[in-house]
Amino acid sequence: SYRVPKSAIRESLIDEQEGADILIV
């Protein structure tokens, strides 16, 4: 949701922890 910015940021940081090489917004 565009109204929950903290969750949006957390999503990318979790993917980084899981081993992503590049993130996308």
PDB file of all heavy atoms in Angstrom:
ATOM      1  N   SER A   1       0.841  -1.188   0.000  1.00  0.00           N
ATOM      2  CA  SER A   1       0.000   0.000   0.000  1.00  0.00           C
ATOM      3  C   SER A   1       0.882   1.247   0.000  1.00  0.00           C
ATOM      4  O   SER A   1       1.874   1.316   0.739  1.00  0.00           O
ATOM      5  CB  SER A   1      -0.887   0.015   1.247  1.00  0.00           C
ATOM      6  OG  SER A   1      -1.496   1.288   1.397  1.00  0.00           O
ATOM      7  N   TYR A   2       0.512   2.227  -0.810  1.00  0.00           N
ATOM      8  CA  TYR A   2       1.285   3.473  -0.834  1.00  0.00           C
ATOM      9  C   TYR A   2       1.086   4.282   0.443  1.00  0.00           C
ATOM     10  O   TYR A   2       1.756   5.300   0.649  1.00  0.00           O
ATOM     11  CB  TYR A   2       0.941   4.308  -2.074  1.00  0.00           C
ATOM     12  CG  TYR A   2      -0.512   4.677  -2.260  1.00  0.00           C
ATOM     13  CD1 TYR A   2      -1.081   5.741  -1.577  1.00  0.00           C
ATOM     14  CD2 TYR A   2      -1.306   3.968  -3.159  1.00  0.00           C
ATOM     15  CE1 TYR A   2      -2.411   6.091  -1.762  1.00  0.00           C
ATOM     16  CE2 TYR A   2      -2.634   4.307  -3.352  1.00  0.00           C
ATOM     17  CZ  TYR A   2      -3.183   5.363  -2.660  1.00  0.00           C
ATOM     18  OH  TYR A   2      -4.498   5.702  -2.844  1.00  0.00           O
ATOM     19  N   ARG A   3       0.205   3.823   1.313  1.00  0.00           N
ATOM     20  CA  ARG A   3      -0.045   4.533   2.571  1.00  0.00           C
ATOM     21  C   ARG A   3       0.677   3.887   3.756  1.00  0.00           C
ATOM     22  O   ARG A   3       0.471   4.289   4.899  1.00  0.00           O
ATOM     23  CB  ARG A   3      -1.547   4.578   2.833  1.00  0.00           C
ATOM     24  CG  ARG A   3      -2.304   5.350   1.762  1.00  0.00           C
ATOM     25  CD  ARG A   3      -3.806   5.219   1.921  1.00  0.00           C
ATOM     26  NE  ARG A   3      -4.275   5.840   3.147  1.00  0.00           N
ATOM     27  CZ  ARG A   3      -5.520   5.720   3.594  1.00  0.00           C
ATOM     28  NH1 ARG A   3      -6.396   4.987   2.928  1.00  0.00           N
ATOM     29  NH2 ARG A   3      -5.883   6.316   4.700  1.00  0.00           N
ATOM     30  N   VAL A   4       1.530   2.868   3.466  1.00  0.00           N
ATOM     31  CA  VAL A   4       2.290   2.214   4.548  1.00  0.00           C
ATOM     32  C   VAL A   4       3.772   2.222   4.174  1.00  0.00           C
ATOM     33  O   VAL A   4       4.346   1.195   3.827  1.00  0.00           O
ATOM     34  CB  VAL A   4       1.792   0.778   4.799  1.00  0.00           C
ATOM     35  CG1 VAL A   4       2.407   0.225   6.085  1.00  0.00           C
ATOM     36  CG2 VAL A   4       0.277   0.717   4.872  1.00  0.00           C
ATOM     37  N   PRO A   5       4.416   3.382   4.217  1.00  0.00           N
ATOM     38  CA  PRO A   5       5.799   3.477   3.740  1.00  0.00           C
ATOM     39  C   PRO A   5       6.796   2.632   4.525  1.00  0.00           C
ATOM     40  O   PRO A   5       7.759   2.126   3.954  1.00  0.00           O
ATOM     41  CB  PRO A   5       6.110   4.977   3.868  1.00  0.00           C
ATOM     42  CG  PRO A   5       5.103   5.517   4.825  1.00  0.00           C
ATOM     43  CD  PRO A   5       3.871   4.689   4.634  1.00  0.00           C
ATOM     44  N   LYS A   6       6.575   2.462   5.823  1.00  0.00           N
ATOM     45  CA  LYS A   6       7.527   1.669   6.617  1.00  0.00           C
ATOM     46  C   LYS A   6       7.555   0.218   6.141  1.00  0.00           C
ATOM     47  O   LYS A   6       8.612  -0.404   6.062  1.00  0.00           O
ATOM     48  CB  LYS A   6       7.164   1.743   8.096  1.00  0.00           C
ATOM     49  CG  LYS A   6       7.472   3.079   8.738  1.00  0.00           C
ATOM     50  CD  LYS A   6       7.181   3.062  10.236  1.00  0.00           C
ATOM     51  CE  LYS A   6       7.529   4.402  10.874  1.00  0.00           C
ATOM     52  NZ  LYS A   6       7.233   4.421  12.334  1.00  0.00           N
ATOM     53  N   SER A   7       6.380  -0.327   5.831  1.00  0.00           N
ATOM     54  CA  SER A   7       6.315  -1.696   5.329  1.00  0.00           C
ATOM     55  C   SER A   7       6.980  -1.805   3.963  1.00  0.00           C
ATOM     56  O   SER A   7       7.658  -2.792   3.664  1.00  0.00           O
ATOM     57  CB  SER A   7       4.854  -2.144   5.242  1.00  0.00           C
ATOM     58  OG  SER A   7       4.762  -3.459   4.743  1.00  0.00           O
ATOM     59  N   ALA A   8       6.805  -0.782   3.131  1.00  0.00           N
ATOM     60  CA  ALA A   8       7.409  -0.781   1.792  1.00  0.00           C
ATOM     61  C   ALA A   8       8.930  -0.838   1.874  1.00  0.00           C
ATOM     62  O   ALA A   8       9.585  -1.558   1.113  1.00  0.00           O
ATOM     63  CB  ALA A   8       6.964   0.458   1.034  1.00  0.00           C
ATOM     64  N   ILE A   9       9.482  -0.102   2.793  1.00  0.00           N
ATOM     65  CA  ILE A   9      10.935  -0.102   2.979  1.00  0.00           C
ATOM     66  C   ILE A   9      11.401  -1.441   3.535  1.00  0.00           C
ATOM     67  O   ILE A   9      12.408  -2.019   3.106  1.00  0.00           O
ATOM     68  CB  ILE A   9      11.348   1.058   3.905  1.00  0.00           C
ATOM     69  CG1 ILE A   9      11.041   2.396   3.219  1.00  0.00           C
ATOM     70  CG2 ILE A   9      12.822   0.967   4.276  1.00  0.00           C
ATOM     71  CD1 ILE A   9      11.080   3.583   4.144  1.00  0.00           C
ATOM     72  N   ARG A  10      10.637  -1.970   4.488  1.00  0.00           N
ATOM     73  CA  ARG A  10      10.990  -3.248   5.105  1.00  0.00           C
ATOM     74  C   ARG A  10      11.032  -4.372   4.074  1.00  0.00           C
ATOM     75  O   ARG A  10      11.888  -5.262   4.139  1.00  0.00           O
ATOM     76  CB  ARG A  10       9.974  -3.572   6.200  1.00  0.00           C
ATOM     77  CG  ARG A  10      10.328  -4.789   7.037  1.00  0.00           C
ATOM     78  CD  ARG A  10       9.249  -5.066   8.068  1.00  0.00           C
ATOM     79  NE  ARG A  10       9.584  -6.226   8.876  1.00  0.00           N
ATOM     80  CZ  ARG A  10       8.694  -6.937   9.551  1.00  0.00           C
ATOM     81  NH1 ARG A  10       7.417  -6.570   9.546  1.00  0.00           N
ATOM     82  NH2 ARG A  10       9.066  -7.995  10.252  1.00  0.00           N
ATOM     83  N   GLU A  11      10.102  -4.344   3.112  1.00  0.00           N
ATOM     84  CA  GLU A  11      10.065  -5.372   2.071  1.00  0.00           C
ATOM     85  C   GLU A  11      11.420  -5.488   1.355  1.00  0.00           C
ATOM     86  O   GLU A  11      11.928  -6.586   1.135  1.00  0.00           O
ATOM     87  CB  GLU A  11       8.985  -5.038   1.035  1.00  0.00           C
ATOM     88  CG  GLU A  11       7.563  -5.147   1.524  1.00  0.00           C
ATOM     89  CD  GLU A  11       6.970  -6.532   1.357  1.00  0.00           C
ATOM     90  OE1 GLU A  11       7.724  -7.494   1.144  1.00  0.00           O
ATOM     91  OE2 GLU A  11       5.735  -6.631   1.445  1.00  0.00           O
ATOM     92  N   SER A  12      11.984  -4.354   0.970  1.00  0.00           N
ATOM     93  CA  SER A  12      13.254  -4.375   0.247  1.00  0.00           C
ATOM     94  C   SER A  12      14.397  -4.847   1.135  1.00  0.00           C
ATOM     95  O   SER A  12      15.285  -5.586   0.695  1.00  0.00           O
ATOM     96  CB  SER A  12      13.569  -2.987  -0.324  1.00  0.00           C
ATOM     97  OG  SER A  12      12.889  -2.778  -1.542  1.00  0.00           O
ATOM     98  N   LEU A  13      14.390  -4.437   2.386  1.00  0.00           N
ATOM     99  CA  LEU A  13      15.462  -4.842   3.287  1.00  0.00           C
ATOM    100  C   LEU A  13      15.417  -6.342   3.569  1.00  0.00           C
ATOM    101  O   LEU A  13      16.460  -6.985   3.723  1.00  0.00           O
ATOM    102  CB  LEU A  13      15.373  -4.046   4.594  1.00  0.00           C
ATOM    103  CG  LEU A  13      15.531  -2.525   4.439  1.00  0.00           C
ATOM    104  CD1 LEU A  13      15.458  -1.829   5.791  1.00  0.00           C
ATOM    105  CD2 LEU A  13      16.842  -2.179   3.726  1.00  0.00           C
ATOM    106  N   ILE A  14      14.220  -6.919   3.600  1.00  0.00           N
ATOM    107  CA  ILE A  14      14.093  -8.367   3.767  1.00  0.00           C
ATOM    108  C   ILE A  14      14.651  -9.095   2.547  1.00  0.00           C
ATOM    109  O   ILE A  14      15.364 -10.099   2.676  1.00  0.00           O
ATOM    110  CB  ILE A  14      12.622  -8.754   4.009  1.00  0.00           C
ATOM    111  CG1 ILE A  14      12.186  -8.320   5.418  1.00  0.00           C
ATOM    112  CG2 ILE A  14      12.408 -10.260   3.838  1.00  0.00           C
ATOM    113  CD1 ILE A  14      10.714  -8.495   5.704  1.00  0.00           C
ATOM    114  N   ASP A  15      14.349  -8.576   1.342  1.00  0.00           N
ATOM    115  CA  ASP A  15      14.886  -9.208   0.133  1.00  0.00           C
ATOM    116  C   ASP A  15      16.403  -9.126   0.085  1.00  0.00           C
ATOM    117  O   ASP A  15      17.068 -10.042  -0.410  1.00  0.00           O
ATOM    118  CB  ASP A  15      14.278  -8.557  -1.111  1.00  0.00           C
ATOM    119  CG  ASP A  15      12.909  -9.129  -1.450  1.00  0.00           C
ATOM    120  OD1 ASP A  15      12.321  -9.805  -0.571  1.00  0.00           O
ATOM    121  OD2 ASP A  15      12.421  -8.902  -2.566  1.00  0.00           O
ATOM    122  N   GLU A  16      16.952  -8.052   0.610  1.00  0.00           N
ATOM    123  CA  GLU A  16      18.412  -7.963   0.701  1.00  0.00           C
ATOM    124  C   GLU A  16      18.951  -9.068   1.601  1.00  0.00           C
ATOM    125  O   GLU A  16      19.925  -9.748   1.265  1.00  0.00           O
ATOM    126  CB  GLU A  16      18.832  -6.595   1.237  1.00  0.00           C
ATOM    127  CG  GLU A  16      20.338  -6.461   1.395  1.00  0.00           C
ATOM    128  CD  GLU A  16      20.786  -5.065   1.802  1.00  0.00           C
ATOM    129  OE1 GLU A  16      19.937  -4.254   2.209  1.00  0.00           O
ATOM    130  OE2 GLU A  16      22.002  -4.786   1.699  1.00  0.00           O
ATOM    131  N   GLN A  17      18.305  -9.269   2.741  1.00  0.00           N
ATOM    132  CA  GLN A  17      18.737 -10.316   3.668  1.00  0.00           C
ATOM    133  C   GLN A  17      18.610 -11.710   3.065  1.00  0.00           C
ATOM    134  O   GLN A  17      19.419 -12.600   3.361  1.00  0.00           O
ATOM    135  CB  GLN A  17      17.907 -10.241   4.950  1.00  0.00           C
ATOM    136  CG  GLN A  17      18.154  -8.992   5.781  1.00  0.00           C
ATOM    137  CD  GLN A  17      17.137  -8.830   6.902  1.00  0.00           C
ATOM    138  OE1 GLN A  17      16.274  -9.673   7.109  1.00  0.00           O
ATOM    139  NE2 GLN A  17      17.242  -7.726   7.631  1.00  0.00           N
ATOM    140  N   GLU A  18      17.604 -11.895   2.186  1.00  0.00           N
ATOM    141  CA  GLU A  18      17.383 -13.203   1.584  1.00  0.00           C
ATOM    142  C   GLU A  18      18.365 -13.513   0.453  1.00  0.00           C
ATOM    143  O   GLU A  18      18.409 -14.647  -0.028  1.00  0.00           O
ATOM    144  CB  GLU A  18      15.950 -13.299   1.049  1.00  0.00           C
ATOM    145  CG  GLU A  18      14.905 -13.399   2.155  1.00  0.00           C
ATOM    146  CD  GLU A  18      13.516 -13.694   1.605  1.00  0.00           C
ATOM    147  OE1 GLU A  18      13.365 -13.887   0.370  1.00  0.00           O
ATOM    148  OE2 GLU A  18      12.572 -13.742   2.403  1.00  0.00           O
ATOM    149  N   GLY A  19      19.123 -12.511   0.000  1.00  0.00           N
ATOM    150  CA  GLY A  19      20.134 -12.779  -1.009  1.00  0.00           C
ATOM    151  C   GLY A  19      19.914 -12.156  -2.365  1.00  0.00           C
ATOM    152  O   GLY A  19      20.539 -12.572  -3.352  1.00  0.00           O
ATOM    153  N   ALA A  20      19.036 -11.154  -2.451  1.00  0.00           N
ATOM    154  CA  ALA A  20      18.861 -10.451  -3.728  1.00  0.00           C
ATOM    155  C   ALA A  20      20.165  -9.786  -4.146  1.00  0.00           C
ATOM    156  O   ALA A  20      20.970  -9.370  -3.297  1.00  0.00           O
ATOM    157  CB  ALA A  20      17.757  -9.405  -3.606  1.00  0.00           C
ATOM    158  N   ASP A  21      20.380  -9.690  -5.442  1.00  0.00           N
ATOM    159  CA  ASP A  21      21.565  -9.005  -5.966  1.00  0.00           C
ATOM    160  C   ASP A  21      21.275  -7.546  -6.291  1.00  0.00           C
ATOM    161  O   ASP A  21      22.153  -6.690  -6.170  1.00  0.00           O
ATOM    162  CB  ASP A  21      22.059  -9.722  -7.225  1.00  0.00           C
ATOM    163  CG  ASP A  21      22.475 -11.151  -6.926  1.00  0.00           C
ATOM    164  OD1 ASP A  21      23.504 -11.343  -6.260  1.00  0.00           O
ATOM    165  OD2 ASP A  21      21.743 -12.072  -7.340  1.00  0.00           O
ATOM    166  N   ILE A  22      20.046  -7.268  -6.716  1.00  0.00           N
ATOM    167  CA  ILE A  22      19.594  -5.919  -7.049  1.00  0.00           C
ATOM    168  C   ILE A  22      18.148  -5.803  -6.590  1.00  0.00           C
ATOM    169  O   ILE A  22      17.366  -6.760  -6.716  1.00  0.00           O
ATOM    170  CB  ILE A  22      19.688  -5.651  -8.571  1.00  0.00           C
ATOM    171  CG1 ILE A  22      21.124  -5.832  -9.077  1.00  0.00           C
ATOM    172  CG2 ILE A  22      19.196  -4.242  -8.915  1.00  0.00           C
ATOM    173  CD1 ILE A  22      21.249  -5.813 -10.602  1.00  0.00           C
ATOM    174  N   LEU A  23      17.777  -4.652  -6.050  1.00  0.00           N
ATOM    175  CA  LEU A  23      16.412  -4.409  -5.607  1.00  0.00           C
ATOM    176  C   LEU A  23      15.684  -3.515  -6.612  1.00  0.00           C
ATOM    177  O   LEU A  23      16.317  -2.742  -7.332  1.00  0.00           O
ATOM    178  CB  LEU A  23      16.407  -3.729  -4.235  1.00  0.00           C
ATOM    179  CG  LEU A  23      17.174  -4.423  -3.111  1.00  0.00           C
ATOM    180  CD1 LEU A  23      17.157  -3.565  -1.851  1.00  0.00           C
ATOM    181  CD2 LEU A  23      16.596  -5.803  -2.823  1.00  0.00           C
ATOM    182  N   ILE A  24      14.349  -3.627  -6.642  1.00  0.00           N
ATOM    183  CA  ILE A  24      13.540  -2.769  -7.510  1.00  0.00           C
ATOM    184  C   ILE A  24      12.422  -2.123  -6.701  1.00  0.00           C
ATOM    185  O   ILE A  24      11.753  -2.793  -5.917  1.00  0.00           O
ATOM    186  CB  ILE A  24      12.863  -3.540  -8.665  1.00  0.00           C
ATOM    187  CG1 ILE A  24      13.870  -4.325  -9.494  1.00  0.00           C
ATOM    188  CG2 ILE A  24      12.065  -2.587  -9.554  1.00  0.00           C
ATOM    189  CD1 ILE A  24      13.222  -5.182 -10.586  1.00  0.00           C
ATOM    190  N   VAL A  25      12.238  -0.822  -6.934  1.00  0.00           N
ATOM    191  CA  VAL A  25      11.034  -0.120  -6.474  1.00  0.00           C
ATOM    192  C   VAL A  25      10.173   0.139  -7.709  1.00  0.00           C
ATOM    193  O   VAL A  25      10.653   0.641  -8.722  1.00  0.00           O
ATOM    194  CB  VAL A  25      11.378   1.211  -5.776  1.00  0.00           C
ATOM    195  CG1 VAL A  25      10.093   1.967  -5.420  1.00  0.00           C
ATOM    196  CG2 VAL A  25      12.210   0.963  -4.522  1.00  0.00           C
TER     197      VAL A  25
END
